[in-house]
C-alpha atoms as a PDB file:
ATOM      1  CA  MET A   1     -77.325 -26.060-106.286  1.00  0.00           C
ATOM      2  CA  ALA A   2     -74.123 -24.204-104.845  1.00  0.00           C
ATOM      3  CA  LYS A   3     -71.869 -26.340-102.419  1.00  0.00           C
ATOM      4  CA  THR A   4     -70.852 -25.851 -99.084  1.00  0.00           C
ATOM      5  CA  ARG A   5     -67.440 -25.976 -97.721  1.00  0.00           C
ATOM      6  CA  THR A   6     -67.640 -28.510 -94.952  1.00  0.00           C
ATOM      7  CA  HIS A   7     -64.372 -30.055 -92.640  1.00  0.00           C
ATOM      8  CA  ILE A   8     -64.991 -34.260 -92.324  1.00  0.00           C
ATOM      9  CA  GLU A   9     -62.671 -35.535 -89.676  1.00  0.00           C
ATOM     10  CA  HIS A  10     -62.722 -38.950 -87.429  1.00  0.00           C
ATOM     11  CA  PRO A  11     -60.668 -40.726 -85.805  1.00  0.00           C
ATOM     12  CA  ALA A  12     -58.935 -43.734 -86.803  1.00  0.00           C
ATOM     13  CA  ALA A  13     -61.740 -46.548 -87.159  1.00  0.00           C
ATOM     14  CA  LEU A  14     -59.461 -49.641 -88.352  1.00  0.00           C
ATOM     15  CA  THR A  15     -56.161 -51.039 -86.855  1.00  0.00           C
ATOM     16  CA  PRO A  16     -53.100 -51.061 -89.233  1.00  0.00           C
ATOM     17  CA  GLU A  17     -53.740 -55.047 -89.046  1.00  0.00           C
ATOM     18  CA  ASP A  18     -57.216 -55.007 -90.512  1.00  0.00           C
ATOM     19  CA  ALA A  19     -56.979 -52.310 -93.251  1.00  0.00           C
ATOM     20  CA  ALA A  20     -53.379 -54.366 -94.691  1.00  0.00           C
ATOM     21  CA  SER A  21     -55.953 -57.358 -94.732  1.00  0.00           C
ATOM     22  CA  LEU A  22     -58.766 -55.402 -96.585  1.00  0.00           C
ATOM     23  CA  SER A  23     -59.402 -54.795-100.351  1.00  0.00           C
ATOM     24  CA  PHE A  24     -58.490 -52.202-101.593  1.00  0.00           C
ATOM     25  CA  GLY A  25     -62.299 -50.295-101.825  1.00  0.00           C
ATOM     26  CA  GLN A  26     -62.950 -51.333 -97.763  1.00  0.00           C
ATOM     27  CA  ALA A  27     -59.789 -50.271 -96.551  1.00  0.00           C
ATOM     28  CA  HIS A  28     -60.274 -46.367 -97.821  1.00  0.00           C
ATOM     29  CA  TRP A  29     -62.931 -44.443 -96.205  1.00  0.00           C
ATOM     30  CA  TRP A  30     -65.724 -42.959 -98.958  1.00  0.00           C
ATOM     31  CA  LEU A  31     -68.267 -40.787 -98.606  1.00  0.00           C
ATOM     32  CA  ARG A  32     -71.844 -40.695-100.702  1.00  0.00           C
ATOM     33  CA  GLN A  33     -75.026 -39.029-100.933  1.00  0.00           C
ATOM     34  CA  ASN A  34     -77.737 -40.452 -99.152  1.00  0.00           C
ATOM     35  CA  GLY A  35     -79.666 -43.141-101.986  1.00  0.00           C
ATOM     36  CA  GLY A  36     -76.844 -41.008-104.128  1.00  0.00           C
ATOM     37  CA  ASP A  37     -73.050 -40.557-106.240  1.00  0.00           C
ATOM     38  CA  PHE A  38     -70.353 -41.549-104.217  1.00  0.00           C
ATOM     39  CA  VAL A  39     -68.443 -38.399-103.998  1.00  0.00           C
ATOM     40  CA  ARG A  40     -64.637 -38.247-105.445  1.00  0.00           C
ATOM     41  CA  MET A  41     -62.368 -37.376-102.571  1.00  0.00           C
ATOM     42  CA  PRO A  42     -59.370 -35.212-103.447  1.00  0.00           C
ATOM     43  CA  LYS A  43     -57.251 -38.121-101.336  1.00  0.00           C
ATOM     44  CA  ARG A  44     -57.816 -41.821-100.170  1.00  0.00           C
ATOM     45  CA  VAL A  45     -57.217 -42.149 -97.042  1.00  0.00           C
ATOM     46  CA  ARG A  46     -56.782 -45.652 -94.952  1.00  0.00           C
ATOM     47  CA  GLY A  47     -59.057 -45.925 -92.448  1.00  0.00           C
ATOM     48  CA  ASP A  48     -56.575 -46.744 -90.024  1.00  0.00           C
ATOM     49  CA  VAL A  49     -55.655 -43.348 -90.702  1.00  0.00           C
ATOM     50  CA  ALA A  50     -57.315 -40.022 -89.229  1.00  0.00           C
ATOM     51  CA  LEU A  51     -60.033 -38.870 -91.554  1.00  0.00           C
ATOM     52  CA  ASP A  52     -59.198 -34.954 -91.587  1.00  0.00           C
ATOM     53  CA  LEU A  53     -60.723 -33.529 -95.079  1.00  0.00           C
ATOM     54  CA  GLN A  54     -61.909 -29.652 -96.149  1.00  0.00           C
ATOM     55  CA  LEU A  55     -65.014 -31.231 -99.321  1.00  0.00           C
ATOM     56  CA  ASP A  56     -66.924 -28.661-101.176  1.00  0.00           C
ATOM     57  CA  LEU A  57     -70.704 -30.295-100.693  1.00  0.00           C
ATOM     58  CA  GLU A  58     -74.500 -29.444-101.766  1.00  0.00           C
ATOM     59  CA  PRO A  59     -76.387 -29.590 -99.135  1.00  0.00           C
ATOM     60  CA  GLY A  60     -77.974 -32.345 -97.956  1.00  0.00           C
ATOM     61  CA  SER A  61     -77.644 -36.186 -96.438  1.00  0.00           C
ATOM     62  CA  TYR A  62     -74.465 -37.841 -96.418  1.00  0.00           C
ATOM     63  CA  VAL A  63     -73.186 -41.071 -95.274  1.00  0.00           C
ATOM     64  CA  LEU A  64     -69.328 -42.023 -93.714  1.00  0.00           C
ATOM     65  CA  GLY A  65     -68.232 -45.025 -94.079  1.00  0.00           C
ATOM     66  CA  VAL A  66     -64.850 -47.051 -94.192  1.00  0.00           C
ATOM     67  CA  GLY A  67     -64.643 -51.333 -94.073  1.00  0.00           C
ATOM     68  CA  PRO A  68     -66.656 -54.348 -94.847  1.00  0.00           C
ATOM     69  CA  ALA A  69     -70.533 -54.230 -94.728  1.00  0.00           C
ATOM     70  CA  ARG A  70     -70.573 -55.786 -91.445  1.00  0.00           C
ATOM     71  CA  GLY A  71     -68.528 -54.941 -88.849  1.00  0.00           C
ATOM     72  CA  GLY A  72     -67.009 -51.151 -90.574  1.00  0.00           C
ATOM     73  CA  VAL A  73     -67.973 -47.951 -89.141  1.00  0.00           C
ATOM     74  CA  ARG A  74     -71.213 -45.415 -90.773  1.00  0.00           C
ATOM     75  CA  VAL A  75     -71.790 -42.822 -89.894  1.00  0.00           C
ATOM     76  CA  ASP A  76     -74.823 -39.652 -90.984  1.00  0.00           C
ATOM     77  CA  ILE A  77     -73.695 -36.419 -92.283  1.00  0.00           C
ATOM     78  CA  GLU A  78     -76.147 -33.517 -93.144  1.00  0.00           C
ATOM     79  CA  VAL A  79     -74.395 -30.333 -94.982  1.00  0.00           C
ATOM     80  CA  THR A  80     -76.779 -27.409 -94.549  1.00  0.00           C
ATOM     81  CA  ALA A  81     -76.303 -24.834 -97.107  1.00  0.00           C
ATOM     82  CA  THR A  82     -74.555 -21.387 -96.725  1.00  0.00           C
ATOM     83  CA  ALA A  83     -75.440 -18.285 -98.643  1.00  0.00           C
ATOM     84  CA  ALA A  84     -75.359 -18.497-102.375  1.00  0.00           C
ATOM     85  CA  PRO A  85     -73.234 -16.726-104.610  1.00  0.00           C
ATOM     86  CA  GLU A  86     -72.778 -12.894-105.531  1.00  0.00           C
ATOM     87  CA  PRO A  87     -75.839 -13.417-108.043  1.00  0.00           C
ATOM     88  CA  ALA A  88     -75.512 -11.000-111.618  1.00  0.00           C
ATOM     89  CA  ALA A  89     -78.321  -8.330-111.141  1.00  0.00           C
ATOM     90  CA  ALA A  90     -78.013  -9.380-115.516  1.00  0.00           C
ATOM     91  CA  GLY A  91     -80.581 -10.318-118.368  1.00  0.00           C
ATOM     92  CA  ALA A  92     -78.856 -11.939-121.142  1.00  0.00           C
ATOM     93  CA  GLY A  93     -78.245  -9.123-123.034  1.00  0.00           C
ATOM     94  CA  ASP A  94     -75.211  -7.981-120.562  1.00  0.00           C
ATOM     95  CA  VAL A  95     -73.257 -10.858-121.821  1.00  0.00           C
ATOM     96  CA  GLU A  96     -72.200  -8.696-124.675  1.00  0.00           C
ATOM     97  CA  GLY A  97     -68.586  -7.262-124.274  1.00  0.00           C
ATOM     98  CA  ARG A  98     -67.856  -9.080-120.938  1.00  0.00           C
ATOM     99  CA  THR A  99     -64.958 -11.771-120.669  1.00  0.00           C
ATOM    100  CA  PHE A 100     -65.938 -15.177-118.736  1.00  0.00           C
ATOM    101  CA  VAL A 101     -64.136 -17.560-116.856  1.00  0.00           C
ATOM    102  CA  LEU A 102     -65.150 -21.024-116.560  1.00  0.00           C
ATOM    103  CA  THR A 103     -64.191 -23.662-113.603  1.00  0.00           C
ATOM    104  CA  GLY A 104     -65.350 -26.995-112.219  1.00  0.00           C
ATOM    105  CA  ASP A 105     -67.891 -28.786-114.692  1.00  0.00           C
ATOM    106  CA  LEU A 106     -71.566 -27.847-115.570  1.00  0.00           C
ATOM    107  CA  GLU A 107     -74.518 -30.653-115.976  1.00  0.00           C
ATOM    108  CA  THR A 108     -76.173 -28.989-118.913  1.00  0.00           C
ATOM    109  CA  MET A 109     -73.292 -28.789-120.884  1.00  0.00           C
ATOM    110  CA  ASP A 110     -69.634 -29.486-121.379  1.00  0.00           C
ATOM    111  CA  ARG A 111     -67.183 -26.589-121.460  1.00  0.00           C
ATOM    112  CA  ASP A 112     -67.288 -26.685-125.842  1.00  0.00           C
ATOM    113  CA  ARG A 113     -70.932 -25.544-125.612  1.00  0.00           C
ATOM    114  CA  ALA A 114     -71.072 -22.917-122.364  1.00  0.00           C
ATOM    115  CA  LYS A 115     -68.108 -21.225-124.353  1.00  0.00           C
ATOM    116  CA  ALA A 116     -70.003 -21.713-127.694  1.00  0.00           C
ATOM    117  CA  VAL A 117     -73.394 -19.944-126.038  1.00  0.00           C
ATOM    118  CA  LEU A 118     -71.367 -17.064-124.545  1.00  0.00           C
ATOM    119  CA  GLU A 119     -69.092 -15.711-127.361  1.00  0.00           C
ATOM    120  CA  GLY A 120     -72.334 -16.151-129.801  1.00  0.00           C
ATOM    121  CA  LEU A 121     -73.902 -14.186-127.494  1.00  0.00           C
ATOM    122  CA  GLY A 122     -71.037 -11.194-127.822  1.00  0.00           C
ATOM    123  CA  GLY A 123     -68.941 -12.461-124.869  1.00  0.00           C
ATOM    124  CA  ARG A 124     -65.782 -13.331-124.437  1.00  0.00           C
ATOM    125  CA  VAL A 125     -64.204 -16.752-122.399  1.00  0.00           C
ATOM    126  CA  THR A 126     -60.717 -16.833-121.328  1.00  0.00           C
ATOM    127  CA  GLY A 127     -59.112 -19.657-119.207  1.00  0.00           C
ATOM    128  CA  SER A 128     -57.538 -17.490-115.962  1.00  0.00           C
ATOM    129  CA  VAL A 129     -59.368 -15.060-113.644  1.00  0.00           C
ATOM    130  CA  SER A 130     -57.554 -11.375-113.993  1.00  0.00           C
ATOM    131  CA  GLY A 131     -58.775  -7.600-113.414  1.00  0.00           C
ATOM    132  CA  LYS A 132     -60.880  -7.484-116.898  1.00  0.00           C
ATOM    133  CA  THR A 133     -63.116 -10.680-116.243  1.00  0.00           C
ATOM    134  CA  ASP A 134     -66.607 -10.037-115.367  1.00  0.00           C
ATOM    135  CA  TYR A 135     -67.923 -13.278-114.575  1.00  0.00           C
ATOM    136  CA  LEU A 136     -66.658 -16.709-113.158  1.00  0.00           C
ATOM    137  CA  VAL A 137     -68.734 -19.275-113.665  1.00  0.00           C
ATOM    138  CA  VAL A 138     -68.796 -22.405-110.970  1.00  0.00           C
ATOM    139  CA  GLY A 139     -69.648 -25.942-111.782  1.00  0.00           C
ATOM    140  CA  GLN A 140     -69.708 -28.898-109.817  1.00  0.00           C
ATOM    141  CA  GLU A 141     -65.842 -29.782-108.489  1.00  0.00           C
ATOM    142  CA  PRO A 142     -64.342 -26.164-109.062  1.00  0.00           C
ATOM    143  CA  GLY A 143     -60.385 -24.678-109.021  1.00  0.00           C
ATOM    144  CA  GLU A 144     -60.156 -22.770-105.558  1.00  0.00           C
ATOM    145  CA  LYS A 145     -57.984 -20.947-107.109  1.00  0.00           C
ATOM    146  CA  LYS A 146     -59.981 -19.438-109.641  1.00  0.00           C
ATOM    147  CA  ILE A 147     -62.284 -18.997-107.170  1.00  0.00           C
ATOM    148  CA  GLU A 148     -60.021 -17.421-104.022  1.00  0.00           C
ATOM    149  CA  LYS A 149     -58.541 -15.123-107.270  1.00  0.00           C
ATOM    150  CA  ALA A 150     -62.398 -13.826-107.955  1.00  0.00           C
ATOM    151  CA  ARG A 151     -63.412 -13.040-104.680  1.00  0.00           C
ATOM    152  CA  GLU A 152     -59.562 -10.939-104.077  1.00  0.00           C
ATOM    153  CA  LEU A 153     -60.695  -9.275-107.148  1.00  0.00           C
ATOM    154  CA  GLY A 154     -64.223  -8.797-106.975  1.00  0.00           C
ATOM    155  CA  LYS A 155     -65.920 -11.025-109.890  1.00  0.00           C
ATOM    156  CA  THR A 156     -69.110 -11.690-109.737  1.00  0.00           C
ATOM    157  CA  LEU A 157     -69.322 -15.492-109.120  1.00  0.00           C
ATOM    158  CA  LEU A 158     -72.284 -17.448-111.109  1.00  0.00           C
ATOM    159  CA  ASP A 159     -73.464 -20.626-110.257  1.00  0.00           C
ATOM    160  CA  GLU A 160     -75.014 -23.160-113.513  1.00  0.00           C
ATOM    161  CA  ALA A 161     -78.944 -21.675-112.029  1.00  0.00           C
ATOM    162  CA  ALA A 162     -77.397 -17.901-112.092  1.00  0.00           C
ATOM    163  CA  PHE A 163     -74.933 -18.528-115.566  1.00  0.00           C
ATOM    164  CA  LEU A 164     -77.781 -20.461-117.844  1.00  0.00           C
ATOM    165  CA  ALA A 165     -80.252 -17.250-116.107  1.00  0.00           C
ATOM    166  CA  LEU A 166     -77.873 -15.268-117.847  1.00  0.00           C
ATOM    167  CA  VAL A 167     -77.759 -16.535-121.219  1.00  0.00           C
ATOM    168  CA  GLY A 168     -81.346 -17.132-121.529  1.00  0.00           C
ATOM    169  CA  LEU A 169     -81.419 -21.283-121.329  1.00  0.00           C
ATOM    170  CA  GLN A 170     -82.854 -23.798-119.077  1.00  0.00           C
ATOM    171  CA  PRO A 171     -81.740 -26.387-117.435  1.00  0.00           C
ATOM    172  CA  GLY A 172     -82.669 -29.480-119.139  1.00  0.00           C
ATOM    173  CA  ALA A 173     -84.241 -33.269-118.062  1.00  0.00           C
ATOM    174  CA  PRO A 174     -81.620 -35.922-117.617  1.00  0.00           C
ATOM    175  CA  VAL A 175     -81.354 -38.078-120.701  1.00  0.00           C
ATOM    176  CA  GLU A 176     -82.009 -41.627-118.100  1.00  0.00           C
ATOM    177  CA  ALA A 177     -83.222 -40.695-114.734  1.00  0.00           C
ATOM    178  CA  ASP A 178     -82.379 -42.704-111.940  1.00  0.00           C
ATOM    179  CA  ASP A 179     -85.148 -43.047-109.747  1.00  0.00           C
ATOM    180  CA  GLY A 180     -85.307 -45.959-109.222  1.00  0.00           C
ATOM    181  CA  GLY A 181     -88.949 -45.480-107.298  1.00  0.00           C
ATOM    182  CA  GLU A 182     -90.251 -45.647-104.077  1.00  0.00           C
ATOM    183  CA  ASP A 183     -89.826 -48.915-102.701  1.00  0.00           C
ATOM    184  CA  ASP A 184     -86.394 -49.676-105.113  1.00  0.00           C
ATOM    185  CA  ASP A 185     -83.366 -48.795-102.054  1.00  0.00           C
ATOM    186  CA  SER A 186     -80.971 -49.784-104.716  1.00  0.00           C
ATOM    187  CA  THR A 187     -77.801 -47.412-105.704  1.00  0.00           C
ATOM    188  CA  ALA A 188     -77.428 -45.616-108.742  1.00  0.00           C
ATOM    189  CA  GLU A 189     -74.832 -47.364-109.726  1.00  0.00           C
ATOM    190  CA  GLN A 190     -76.660 -50.688-109.923  1.00  0.00           C
ATOM    191  CA  ARG A 191     -79.515 -49.244-111.656  1.00  0.00           C
ATOM    192  CA  ALA A 192     -76.793 -47.978-114.121  1.00  0.00           C
ATOM    193  CA  ALA A 193     -75.141 -52.064-114.375  1.00  0.00           C
ATOM    194  CA  ARG A 194     -78.665 -53.080-114.558  1.00  0.00           C
ATOM    195  CA  ARG A 195     -79.775 -50.889-117.373  1.00  0.00           C
ATOM    196  CA  TYR A 196     -76.316 -51.783-119.171  1.00  0.00           C
ATOM    197  CA  LEU A 197     -77.374 -55.460-118.892  1.00  0.00           C
ATOM    198  CA  GLU A 198     -80.428 -55.142-120.235  1.00  0.00           C
ATOM    199  CA  ARG A 199     -79.304 -53.548-123.424  1.00  0.00           C
ATOM    200  CA  MET A 200     -75.591 -55.174-124.264  1.00  0.00           C
ATOM    201  CA  SER A 201     -75.295 -57.835-126.361  1.00  0.00           C
ATOM    202  CA  VAL A 202     -73.614 -61.530-125.418  1.00  0.00           C
ATOM    203  CA  ALA A 203     -73.828 -64.918-126.496  1.00  0.00           C
ATOM    204  CA  ASP A 204     -75.809 -66.685-124.660  1.00  0.00           C
ATOM    205  CA  LYS A 205     -73.087 -69.130-123.467  1.00  0.00           C
ATOM    206  CA  THR A 206     -70.998 -66.654-122.659  1.00  0.00           C
ATOM    207  CA  ARG A 207     -74.201 -64.626-120.762  1.00  0.00           C
ATOM    208  CA  LYS A 208     -74.965 -68.458-118.854  1.00  0.00           C
ATOM    209  CA  SER A 209     -71.275 -69.071-117.995  1.00  0.00           C
ATOM    210  CA  ALA A 210     -71.226 -65.502-116.765  1.00  0.00           C
ATOM    211  CA  GLU A 211     -74.375 -66.408-114.484  1.00  0.00           C
ATOM    212  CA  GLY A 212     -72.780 -69.332-112.585  1.00  0.00           C
ATOM    213  CA  ILE A 213     -69.944 -66.702-111.258  1.00  0.00           C
ATOM    214  CA  ALA A 214     -71.313 -63.594-110.898  1.00  0.00           C
ATOM    215  CA  SER A 215     -70.847 -62.728-107.038  1.00  0.00           C
ATOM    216  CA  PRO A 216     -68.140 -60.410-104.934  1.00  0.00           C
ATOM    217  CA  ASP A 217     -67.594 -63.796-103.674  1.00  0.00           C
ATOM    218  CA  PHE A 218     -65.606 -64.230-107.004  1.00  0.00           C
ATOM    219  CA  PHE A 219     -63.226 -61.456-107.206  1.00  0.00           C
ATOM    220  CA  ASP A 220     -60.503 -60.496-104.684  1.00  0.00           C
ATOM    221  CA  ASP A 221     -61.001 -56.937-105.351  1.00  0.00           C
ATOM    222  CA  LEU A 222     -63.846 -54.942-106.955  1.00  0.00           C
ATOM    223  CA  GLY A 223     -64.181 -51.096-106.622  1.00  0.00           C
ATOM    224  CA  ALA A 224     -66.404 -47.910-109.517  1.00  0.00           C
ATOM    225  CA  GLU A 225     -66.007 -44.890-109.590  1.00  0.00           C
ATOM    226  CA  GLY A 226     -68.478 -43.089-111.558  1.00  0.00           C
ATOM    227  CA  ARG A 227     -69.624 -45.018-114.899  1.00  0.00           C
ATOM    228  CA  ILE A 228     -66.449 -47.268-114.218  1.00  0.00           C
ATOM    229  CA  VAL A 229     -66.257 -50.827-112.615  1.00  0.00           C
ATOM    230  CA  TRP A 230     -63.082 -52.376-112.274  1.00  0.00           C
ATOM    231  CA  GLY A 231     -62.589 -55.992-110.617  1.00  0.00           C
ATOM    232  CA  VAL A 232     -59.681 -59.144-110.214  1.00  0.00           C
ATOM    233  CA  ALA A 233     -60.832 -62.035-110.831  1.00  0.00           C
ATOM    234  CA  VAL A 234     -60.213 -65.228-109.191  1.00  0.00           C
ATOM    235  CA  GLY A 235     -60.144 -68.462-111.560  1.00  0.00           C
ATOM    236  CA  PRO A 236     -60.725 -72.115-110.496  1.00  0.00           C
ATOM    237  CA  ARG A 237     -56.700 -72.647-110.379  1.00  0.00           C
ATOM    238  CA  GLY A 238     -56.105 -69.507-108.653  1.00  0.00           C
ATOM    239  CA  GLY A 239     -54.983 -67.096-111.643  1.00  0.00           C
ATOM    240  CA  ARG A 240     -55.717 -63.924-111.521  1.00  0.00           C
ATOM    241  CA  TYR A 241     -57.687 -61.636-114.004  1.00  0.00           C
ATOM    242  CA  GLU A 242     -57.802 -57.768-114.293  1.00  0.00           C
ATOM    243  CA  VAL A 243     -61.357 -57.444-115.476  1.00  0.00           C
ATOM    244  CA  TYR A 244     -62.495 -53.168-116.604  1.00  0.00           C
ATOM    245  CA  GLY A 245     -65.720 -52.344-117.737  1.00  0.00           C
ATOM    246  CA  ASP A 246     -66.774 -48.461-118.781  1.00  0.00           C
ATOM    247  CA  LEU A 247     -70.306 -48.317-118.192  1.00  0.00           C
ATOM    248  CA  GLY A 248     -71.101 -45.442-120.674  1.00  0.00           C
ATOM    249  CA  ASN A 249     -70.274 -47.119-123.563  1.00  0.00           C
ATOM    250  CA  ARG A 250     -73.041 -49.185-125.409  1.00  0.00           C
ATOM    251  CA  ASN A 251     -71.024 -51.316-127.235  1.00  0.00           C
ATOM    252  CA  ALA A 252     -69.707 -53.853-124.704  1.00  0.00           C
ATOM    253  CA  ARG A 253     -67.307 -55.156-127.192  1.00  0.00           C
ATOM    254  CA  TYR A 254     -65.140 -52.480-126.527  1.00  0.00           C
ATOM    255  CA  ALA A 255     -66.663 -51.134-123.086  1.00  0.00           C
ATOM    256  CA  LEU A 256     -65.093 -54.501-121.653  1.00  0.00           C
ATOM    257  CA  SER A 257     -62.034 -56.175-121.033  1.00  0.00           C
ATOM    258  CA  CYS A 258     -60.815 -59.003-119.849  1.00  0.00           C
ATOM    259  CA  ASN A 259     -57.202 -60.476-119.936  1.00  0.00           C
ATOM    260  CA  CYS A 260     -58.081 -63.848-118.804  1.00  0.00           C
ATOM    261  CA  SER A 261     -57.101 -66.273-122.144  1.00  0.00           C
ATOM    262  CA  SER A 262     -60.795 -66.606-123.671  1.00  0.00           C
ATOM    263  CA  ARG A 263     -61.331 -65.583-127.093  1.00  0.00           C
ATOM    264  CA  ASP A 264     -65.433 -64.339-126.018  1.00  0.00           C
ATOM    265  CA  ARG A 265     -65.415 -60.951-126.673  1.00  0.00           C
ATOM    266  CA  PRO A 266     -66.572 -59.713-123.886  1.00  0.00           C
ATOM    267  CA  CYS A 267     -65.748 -62.877-122.024  1.00  0.00           C
ATOM    268  CA  LYS A 268     -67.709 -64.189-119.024  1.00  0.00           C
ATOM    269  CA  HIS A 269     -65.531 -62.658-116.343  1.00  0.00           C
ATOM    270  CA  ALA A 270     -66.077 -59.269-117.831  1.00  0.00           C
ATOM    271  CA  VAL A 271     -70.335 -59.729-118.427  1.00  0.00           C
ATOM    272  CA  ALA A 272     -69.881 -61.523-114.305  1.00  0.00           C
ATOM    273  CA  LEU A 273     -68.459 -58.435-113.204  1.00  0.00           C
ATOM    274  CA  VAL A 274     -71.293 -56.274-114.516  1.00  0.00           C
ATOM    275  CA  MET A 275     -73.813 -58.576-113.183  1.00  0.00           C
ATOM    276  CA  THR A 276     -72.093 -58.088-109.751  1.00  0.00           C
ATOM    277  CA  ALA A 277     -72.458 -54.734-110.293  1.00  0.00           C
ATOM    278  CA  ALA A 278     -76.088 -54.546-110.517  1.00  0.00           C
ATOM    279  CA  GLU A 279     -77.001 -56.722-107.437  1.00  0.00           C
ATOM    280  CA  HIS A 280     -73.906 -55.983-104.803  1.00  0.00           C
ATOM    281  CA  TRP A 281     -72.251 -52.565-103.769  1.00  0.00           C
ATOM    282  CA  LEU A 282     -68.775 -51.670-104.759  1.00  0.00           C
ATOM    283  CA  PRO A 283     -66.844 -49.805-102.950  1.00  0.00           C
ATOM    284  CA  PRO A 284     -66.108 -46.108-104.418  1.00  0.00           C
ATOM    285  CA  VAL A 285     -62.732 -46.356-105.752  1.00  0.00           C
ATOM    286  CA  PRO A 286     -60.476 -45.871-108.548  1.00  0.00           C
ATOM    287  CA  PRO A 287     -58.674 -48.972-109.932  1.00  0.00           C
ATOM    288  CA  PRO A 288     -55.271 -49.725-108.977  1.00  0.00           C
ATOM    289  CA  PRO A 289     -52.739 -48.315-111.249  1.00  0.00           C
ATOM    290  CA  GLY A 290     -52.345 -50.105-114.303  1.00  0.00           C
ATOM    291  CA  HIS A 291     -55.140 -52.126-114.004  1.00  0.00           C
ATOM    292  CA  GLN A 292     -57.305 -50.446-116.505  1.00  0.00           C
ATOM    293  CA  GLU A 293     -53.575 -50.959-119.592  1.00  0.00           C
ATOM    294  CA  ALA A 294     -53.766 -55.117-118.183  1.00  0.00           C
ATOM    295  CA  ALA A 295     -57.088 -55.838-118.420  1.00  0.00           C
ATOM    296  CA  GLN A 296     -56.746 -54.126-121.834  1.00  0.00           C
ATOM    297  CA  ASP A 297     -53.543 -55.445-123.253  1.00  0.00           C
ATOM    298  CA  ARG A 298     -54.650 -58.791-124.160  1.00  0.00           C
ATOM    299  CA  PHE A 299     -56.820 -57.190-127.043  1.00  0.00           C
ATOM    300  CA  SER A 300     -53.992 -55.269-128.400  1.00  0.00           C
ATOM    301  CA  PHE A 301     -52.572 -58.038-130.812  1.00  0.00           C
ATOM    302  CA  MET A 302     -56.708 -59.073-131.879  1.00  0.00           C
ATOM    303  CA  GLU A 303     -57.215 -55.620-133.519  1.00  0.00           C
END
């Protein structure tokens, strides 16, 4: 679906003191599709600073927020569709001899496969837009400079649906649907964490210990970015442990890490992080700089 350039602004919603007292995730503005995924912001903006951003968003309903669930700000935003990119009046035969540039991510295939499809039909793929370019294929989070250049030169822009039609393909069905049912009000991230728990292999002792501490209260800070979940666990004696998980990796032994002293892998802190993500909302923020490296460093000498 073609995206619409949307201006989002909001005055500061937190005091500097409130923002400083909150965790990194709660202190910064976030945006998510209503019932869907979080939107990647071009930059992180603290809640005590006025928000003023230009974003390319798919039409639909969104929620803008900052601060804790109680006492924070939640604003509904509606994005309406604009004119679609210039359609290509072409069939699959028009690929031969034409020059393409790809920008952004396609949902149906990665860039290498898209390039192989085009070249297999006799097309040519280059890295930058020029006078020799015929089509610019525009995926999600595209490069704005490439789009501007293509429009300046009068080139044809193809969204993913138009690209698939041009090469004679149909969009494929998703590998795992995130439809939780009409009565399921959980988020896509929570359902992904639940599926991960169902297929991960963990010792019974570790799972039982993790169940006893799986709660946002056990973590000093938490966040999620795509399939990445992270947290800072707080031990009973005040110890702090960096915990990191990649829910895109089915092997929990290598996908979940923590720099605690336990020799169990994954440890109870890492399993508790996934359990927490399965039942609770996590702020849509990436881990702090160095968090992943710190979580994984303890195991570097054990491999």
